[in-house]
Amino acid sequence: MEILVTKLFEFCVSILQIIGGSPGEYGFGYYLANIVIFILIQPSLIIIFFILWLKEKRNNKEFTS
């Protein structure tokens, strides 16, 4: 199991390095890719899905009443 997790981690790091524009290096692009993904995109998606869930919950409540 440890080998699988390590391989998956290395694969994800490689993808981040490719997105960042410096394959095989931890350069500015790698850090920028991390910021974009984990500081901007992920929280935005969480907020969007939460708002959609609230709207759907409200619509469902009005429909059943």
C-alpha atoms as a PDB file:
ATOM      1  CA  MET A   1       0.000   0.000   0.000  1.00  0.00           C
ATOM      2  CA  GLU A   2       2.869   2.358   0.809  1.00  0.00           C
ATOM      3  CA  ILE A   3       4.341   1.870  -2.661  1.00  0.00           C
ATOM      4  CA  LEU A   4       0.999   2.697  -4.284  1.00  0.00           C
ATOM      5  CA  VAL A   5       0.644   5.902  -2.256  1.00  0.00           C
ATOM      6  CA  THR A   6       4.218   6.933  -3.052  1.00  0.00           C
ATOM      7  CA  LYS A   7       3.735   6.293  -6.783  1.00  0.00           C
ATOM      8  CA  LEU A   8       0.449   8.234  -6.775  1.00  0.00           C
ATOM      9  CA  PHE A   9       2.101  11.144  -4.964  1.00  0.00           C
ATOM     10  CA  GLU A  10       5.018  11.214  -7.415  1.00  0.00           C
ATOM     11  CA  PHE A  11       2.574  11.115 -10.338  1.00  0.00           C
ATOM     12  CA  CYS A  12       0.612  14.069  -8.931  1.00  0.00           C
ATOM     13  CA  VAL A  13       3.824  16.047  -8.352  1.00  0.00           C
ATOM     14  CA  SER A  14       4.859  15.336 -11.946  1.00  0.00           C
ATOM     15  CA  ILE A  15       1.538  16.655 -13.217  1.00  0.00           C
ATOM     16  CA  LEU A  16       1.930  19.820 -11.116  1.00  0.00           C
ATOM     17  CA  GLN A  17       5.442  20.272 -12.496  1.00  0.00           C
ATOM     18  CA  ILE A  18       4.157  19.901 -16.055  1.00  0.00           C
ATOM     19  CA  ILE A  19       1.339  22.386 -15.417  1.00  0.00           C
ATOM     20  CA  GLY A  20       3.862  24.747 -13.851  1.00  0.00           C
ATOM     21  CA  GLY A  21       6.026  24.638 -16.963  1.00  0.00           C
ATOM     22  CA  SER A  22       9.168  23.160 -15.400  1.00  0.00           C
ATOM     23  CA  PRO A  23       8.998  19.354 -15.618  1.00  0.00           C
ATOM     24  CA  GLY A  24      11.389  17.774 -13.148  1.00  0.00           C
ATOM     25  CA  GLU A  25      11.926  20.998 -11.197  1.00  0.00           C
ATOM     26  CA  TYR A  26      10.304  22.804  -8.313  1.00  0.00           C
ATOM     27  CA  GLY A  27      10.394  26.226  -9.903  1.00  0.00           C
ATOM     28  CA  PHE A  28       8.141  29.251  -9.813  1.00  0.00           C
ATOM     29  CA  GLY A  29       5.644  27.559 -12.147  1.00  0.00           C
ATOM     30  CA  TYR A  30       5.200  24.618  -9.773  1.00  0.00           C
ATOM     31  CA  TYR A  31       4.421  26.944  -6.901  1.00  0.00           C
ATOM     32  CA  LEU A  32       2.089  28.981  -9.079  1.00  0.00           C
ATOM     33  CA  ALA A  33       0.245  25.807 -10.150  1.00  0.00           C
ATOM     34  CA  ASN A  34      -0.197  24.872  -6.472  1.00  0.00           C
ATOM     35  CA  ILE A  35      -1.552  28.323  -5.649  1.00  0.00           C
ATOM     36  CA  VAL A  36      -3.988  28.303  -8.554  1.00  0.00           C
ATOM     37  CA  ILE A  37      -5.276  24.809  -7.804  1.00  0.00           C
ATOM     38  CA  PHE A  38      -5.388  24.771  -4.005  1.00  0.00           C
ATOM     39  CA  ILE A  39      -5.938  28.436  -3.131  1.00  0.00           C
ATOM     40  CA  LEU A  40      -8.204  29.568  -5.973  1.00  0.00           C
ATOM     41  CA  ILE A  41      -9.923  26.687  -7.781  1.00  0.00           C
ATOM     42  CA  GLN A  42     -10.632  24.252  -4.930  1.00  0.00           C
ATOM     43  CA  PRO A  43     -12.171  26.801  -2.498  1.00  0.00           C
ATOM     44  CA  SER A  44     -14.150  28.346  -5.360  1.00  0.00           C
ATOM     45  CA  LEU A  45     -15.620  24.963  -6.267  1.00  0.00           C
ATOM     46  CA  ILE A  46     -16.502  24.274  -2.635  1.00  0.00           C
ATOM     47  CA  ILE A  47     -18.318  27.615  -2.363  1.00  0.00           C
ATOM     48  CA  ILE A  48     -20.120  27.113  -5.691  1.00  0.00           C
ATOM     49  CA  PHE A  49     -21.312  23.631  -4.767  1.00  0.00           C
ATOM     50  CA  PHE A  50     -22.409  24.830  -1.317  1.00  0.00           C
ATOM     51  CA  ILE A  51     -24.468  27.641  -2.863  1.00  0.00           C
ATOM     52  CA  LEU A  52     -26.001  25.227  -5.377  1.00  0.00           C
ATOM     53  CA  TRP A  53     -26.839  22.814  -2.555  1.00  0.00           C
ATOM     54  CA  LEU A  54     -28.528  25.593  -0.559  1.00  0.00           C
ATOM     55  CA  LYS A  55     -30.558  26.682  -3.597  1.00  0.00           C
ATOM     56  CA  GLU A  56     -31.627  23.112  -4.308  1.00  0.00           C
ATOM     57  CA  LYS A  57     -32.526  22.566  -0.649  1.00  0.00           C
ATOM     58  CA  ARG A  58     -34.639  25.744  -0.671  1.00  0.00           C
ATOM     59  CA  ASN A  59     -36.357  24.752  -3.938  1.00  0.00           C
ATOM     60  CA  ASN A  60     -37.087  21.286  -2.602  1.00  0.00           C
ATOM     61  CA  LYS A  61     -38.553  22.745   0.604  1.00  0.00           C
ATOM     62  CA  GLU A  62     -40.883  25.035  -1.353  1.00  0.00           C
ATOM     63  CA  PHE A  63     -41.916  22.169  -3.601  1.00  0.00           C
ATOM     64  CA  THR A  64     -42.892  19.888  -0.707  1.00  0.00           C
ATOM     65  CA  SER A  65     -44.767  22.570   1.260  1.00  0.00           C
END
